N, C-alpha and C. Protein backbone atom coordinates (compact mmCIF):
# COMPACT_ATOMS: atom_id res chain seq x y z
N MET A 1 -7.91 32.41 35.17
CA MET A 1 -8.25 31.93 36.49
C MET A 1 -8.57 33.09 37.43
N ASN A 2 -8.96 34.17 36.88
CA ASN A 2 -9.40 35.30 37.71
C ASN A 2 -10.74 34.99 38.35
N GLY A 3 -10.99 35.63 39.45
CA GLY A 3 -12.28 35.51 40.10
C GLY A 3 -12.42 34.28 40.98
N LEU A 4 -11.31 33.63 41.30
CA LEU A 4 -11.38 32.47 42.18
C LEU A 4 -11.57 32.92 43.62
N LYS A 5 -12.15 32.03 44.38
CA LYS A 5 -12.31 32.27 45.81
C LYS A 5 -11.19 31.56 46.55
N LEU A 6 -10.97 31.94 47.76
CA LEU A 6 -9.94 31.31 48.58
C LEU A 6 -10.19 29.80 48.71
N ALA A 7 -11.44 29.41 48.75
CA ALA A 7 -11.79 27.98 48.83
C ALA A 7 -11.31 27.24 47.58
N ASP A 8 -11.35 27.90 46.41
CA ASP A 8 -10.86 27.27 45.18
C ASP A 8 -9.35 27.04 45.25
N ILE A 9 -8.64 28.04 45.75
CA ILE A 9 -7.19 27.92 45.91
C ILE A 9 -6.87 26.80 46.89
N GLU A 10 -7.67 26.68 47.94
CA GLU A 10 -7.46 25.62 48.94
C GLU A 10 -7.63 24.24 48.29
N VAL A 11 -8.58 24.10 47.39
CA VAL A 11 -8.78 22.83 46.68
C VAL A 11 -7.57 22.52 45.80
N PHE A 12 -7.09 23.54 45.07
CA PHE A 12 -5.89 23.33 44.23
C PHE A 12 -4.69 22.92 45.08
N ALA A 13 -4.53 23.58 46.21
CA ALA A 13 -3.40 23.27 47.10
C ALA A 13 -3.50 21.86 47.64
N ALA A 14 -4.69 21.44 47.99
CA ALA A 14 -4.88 20.08 48.52
C ALA A 14 -4.60 19.04 47.44
N GLU A 15 -5.06 19.29 46.22
CA GLU A 15 -4.80 18.36 45.13
C GLU A 15 -3.31 18.27 44.83
N TYR A 16 -2.65 19.42 44.81
CA TYR A 16 -1.20 19.44 44.58
C TYR A 16 -0.49 18.65 45.67
N ALA A 17 -0.84 18.89 46.93
CA ALA A 17 -0.19 18.19 48.05
C ALA A 17 -0.37 16.68 47.94
N LYS A 18 -1.56 16.26 47.53
CA LYS A 18 -1.84 14.83 47.37
C LYS A 18 -0.94 14.22 46.29
N HIS A 19 -0.84 14.89 45.16
CA HIS A 19 -0.04 14.36 44.05
C HIS A 19 1.45 14.44 44.35
N ARG A 20 1.87 15.49 45.03
CA ARG A 20 3.28 15.61 45.41
C ARG A 20 3.66 14.49 46.38
N GLN A 21 2.78 14.17 47.31
CA GLN A 21 3.05 13.08 48.25
C GLN A 21 3.17 11.75 47.52
N ALA A 22 2.36 11.55 46.49
CA ALA A 22 2.46 10.32 45.70
C ALA A 22 3.82 10.23 45.03
N VAL A 23 4.34 11.36 44.54
CA VAL A 23 5.68 11.38 43.94
C VAL A 23 6.72 11.01 44.99
N VAL A 24 6.61 11.59 46.17
CA VAL A 24 7.56 11.31 47.25
C VAL A 24 7.53 9.83 47.61
N GLU A 25 6.36 9.26 47.68
CA GLU A 25 6.24 7.84 48.05
C GLU A 25 6.91 6.94 47.02
N VAL A 26 6.69 7.21 45.74
CA VAL A 26 7.32 6.39 44.69
C VAL A 26 8.83 6.58 44.72
N ALA A 27 9.29 7.81 44.92
CA ALA A 27 10.73 8.07 44.99
C ALA A 27 11.35 7.31 46.16
N GLU A 28 10.67 7.26 47.29
CA GLU A 28 11.19 6.52 48.44
C GLU A 28 11.24 5.02 48.16
N ILE A 29 10.24 4.49 47.48
CA ILE A 29 10.24 3.07 47.11
C ILE A 29 11.43 2.79 46.19
N MET A 30 11.63 3.65 45.20
CA MET A 30 12.76 3.47 44.28
C MET A 30 14.08 3.51 45.03
N ARG A 31 14.25 4.48 45.90
CA ARG A 31 15.50 4.61 46.66
C ARG A 31 15.75 3.36 47.51
N SER A 32 14.70 2.88 48.15
CA SER A 32 14.82 1.68 48.97
C SER A 32 15.22 0.46 48.14
N GLU A 33 14.59 0.30 46.98
CA GLU A 33 14.91 -0.84 46.11
C GLU A 33 16.32 -0.74 45.55
N MET A 34 16.75 0.47 45.20
CA MET A 34 18.11 0.65 44.68
C MET A 34 19.14 0.34 45.78
N ASP A 35 18.84 0.76 47.01
CA ASP A 35 19.74 0.44 48.12
C ASP A 35 19.85 -1.06 48.33
N ALA A 36 18.74 -1.77 48.19
CA ALA A 36 18.75 -3.23 48.34
C ALA A 36 19.60 -3.88 47.26
N VAL A 37 19.50 -3.39 46.03
CA VAL A 37 20.31 -3.93 44.93
C VAL A 37 21.79 -3.66 45.20
N LYS A 38 22.11 -2.47 45.68
CA LYS A 38 23.51 -2.14 46.00
C LYS A 38 24.04 -3.09 47.07
N ARG A 39 23.26 -3.28 48.13
CA ARG A 39 23.70 -4.18 49.20
C ARG A 39 23.92 -5.60 48.69
N LYS A 40 23.06 -6.03 47.76
CA LYS A 40 23.15 -7.39 47.23
C LYS A 40 24.44 -7.61 46.45
N HIS A 41 24.90 -6.59 45.73
CA HIS A 41 26.02 -6.76 44.80
C HIS A 41 27.33 -6.12 45.23
N ILE A 42 27.34 -5.35 46.31
CA ILE A 42 28.52 -4.54 46.63
C ILE A 42 29.76 -5.40 46.92
N ASN A 43 29.61 -6.50 47.63
CA ASN A 43 30.78 -7.32 47.96
C ASN A 43 31.42 -7.91 46.71
N ASP A 44 30.60 -8.44 45.81
CA ASP A 44 31.12 -9.00 44.56
C ASP A 44 31.81 -7.91 43.74
N LEU A 45 31.20 -6.73 43.69
CA LEU A 45 31.80 -5.62 42.96
C LEU A 45 33.15 -5.25 43.54
N LYS A 46 33.25 -5.16 44.86
CA LYS A 46 34.53 -4.81 45.50
C LYS A 46 35.60 -5.85 45.19
N LEU A 47 35.23 -7.12 45.23
CA LEU A 47 36.20 -8.18 44.91
C LEU A 47 36.69 -8.07 43.47
N ARG A 48 35.79 -7.82 42.56
CA ARG A 48 36.16 -7.72 41.14
C ARG A 48 37.00 -6.48 40.85
N VAL A 49 36.68 -5.37 41.52
CA VAL A 49 37.49 -4.15 41.36
C VAL A 49 38.90 -4.39 41.87
N SER A 50 39.01 -5.06 43.01
CA SER A 50 40.32 -5.36 43.58
C SER A 50 41.12 -6.27 42.64
N ALA A 51 40.48 -7.29 42.11
CA ALA A 51 41.16 -8.21 41.20
C ALA A 51 41.61 -7.48 39.93
N ALA A 52 40.75 -6.64 39.39
CA ALA A 52 41.11 -5.89 38.18
C ALA A 52 42.27 -4.94 38.45
N ALA A 53 42.26 -4.29 39.60
CA ALA A 53 43.36 -3.37 39.96
C ALA A 53 44.67 -4.12 40.09
N SER A 54 44.61 -5.31 40.66
CA SER A 54 45.81 -6.13 40.81
C SER A 54 46.37 -6.54 39.44
N LYS A 55 45.48 -6.97 38.55
CA LYS A 55 45.92 -7.37 37.21
C LYS A 55 46.45 -6.17 36.43
N LYS A 56 45.84 -5.01 36.61
CA LYS A 56 46.34 -3.81 35.93
C LYS A 56 47.75 -3.49 36.41
N GLN A 57 47.97 -3.59 37.72
CA GLN A 57 49.30 -3.29 38.25
C GLN A 57 50.34 -4.28 37.72
N MET A 58 49.95 -5.55 37.59
CA MET A 58 50.86 -6.54 37.00
C MET A 58 51.22 -6.17 35.57
N LEU A 59 50.23 -5.73 34.79
CA LEU A 59 50.47 -5.32 33.41
C LEU A 59 51.39 -4.10 33.36
N VAL A 60 51.12 -3.11 34.19
CA VAL A 60 51.96 -1.90 34.22
C VAL A 60 53.40 -2.27 34.57
N ASN A 61 53.57 -3.11 35.58
CA ASN A 61 54.92 -3.53 35.98
C ASN A 61 55.63 -4.26 34.84
N ALA A 62 54.91 -5.15 34.15
CA ALA A 62 55.50 -5.89 33.04
C ALA A 62 55.90 -4.95 31.91
N LEU A 63 55.06 -3.97 31.60
CA LEU A 63 55.38 -3.02 30.55
C LEU A 63 56.60 -2.17 30.91
N GLU A 64 56.63 -1.69 32.14
CA GLU A 64 57.75 -0.85 32.57
C GLU A 64 59.06 -1.62 32.61
N ALA A 65 58.99 -2.90 32.97
CA ALA A 65 60.20 -3.71 33.06
C ALA A 65 60.69 -4.18 31.68
N ASN A 66 59.87 -4.04 30.68
CA ASN A 66 60.22 -4.55 29.36
C ASN A 66 60.00 -3.50 28.28
N LYS A 67 60.45 -2.29 28.52
CA LYS A 67 60.27 -1.19 27.57
C LYS A 67 60.97 -1.45 26.25
N ALA A 68 62.01 -2.25 26.28
CA ALA A 68 62.76 -2.53 25.05
C ALA A 68 61.88 -3.20 24.00
N LEU A 69 60.85 -3.89 24.42
CA LEU A 69 59.95 -4.53 23.46
C LEU A 69 59.23 -3.50 22.60
N PHE A 70 59.23 -2.26 23.05
CA PHE A 70 58.48 -1.22 22.35
C PHE A 70 59.38 -0.09 21.85
N ASP A 71 60.68 -0.39 21.63
CA ASP A 71 61.62 0.63 21.17
C ASP A 71 61.24 1.18 19.80
N LYS A 72 60.91 0.33 18.91
CA LYS A 72 60.56 0.78 17.55
C LYS A 72 59.07 1.08 17.54
N PRO A 73 58.69 2.02 16.71
CA PRO A 73 57.24 2.30 16.63
C PRO A 73 56.48 1.08 16.13
N ARG A 74 55.68 0.52 16.99
CA ARG A 74 54.88 -0.66 16.65
C ARG A 74 53.50 -0.50 17.27
N THR A 75 52.59 -1.18 16.69
CA THR A 75 51.25 -1.24 17.28
C THR A 75 50.93 -2.69 17.57
N HIS A 76 50.61 -2.94 18.81
CA HIS A 76 50.23 -4.29 19.22
C HIS A 76 48.86 -4.19 19.88
N VAL A 77 47.95 -5.02 19.44
CA VAL A 77 46.65 -5.13 20.09
C VAL A 77 46.57 -6.53 20.65
N PHE A 78 46.57 -6.63 21.97
CA PHE A 78 46.55 -7.94 22.61
C PHE A 78 45.14 -8.34 23.02
N ASN A 79 44.37 -7.38 23.47
CA ASN A 79 43.00 -7.66 23.88
C ASN A 79 42.21 -6.38 23.73
N ALA A 80 41.30 -6.38 22.78
CA ALA A 80 40.54 -5.19 22.48
C ALA A 80 39.22 -5.12 23.23
N SER A 81 38.96 -6.06 24.11
CA SER A 81 37.68 -6.03 24.83
C SER A 81 37.69 -4.90 25.85
N ARG A 82 36.52 -4.42 26.14
CA ARG A 82 36.39 -3.33 27.12
C ARG A 82 36.09 -3.95 28.39
């Protein structure tokens, strides 16, 4: 690319700026759409997280209050779902 004129560099810079702006525009659209999805689902997610935390605490309390059930080395699988 030797021997270019300043006008050639200006053309390259303009083309780059145009394509970079297109990237920015698509990124902004994506960010906006992702924010809309978050707003749509955030309340349900918070409710489910709270319910899961409550049930986990109930399980922990039950296990701690009934340690004798696990005195001997045993393996119990009650629910293997994730």
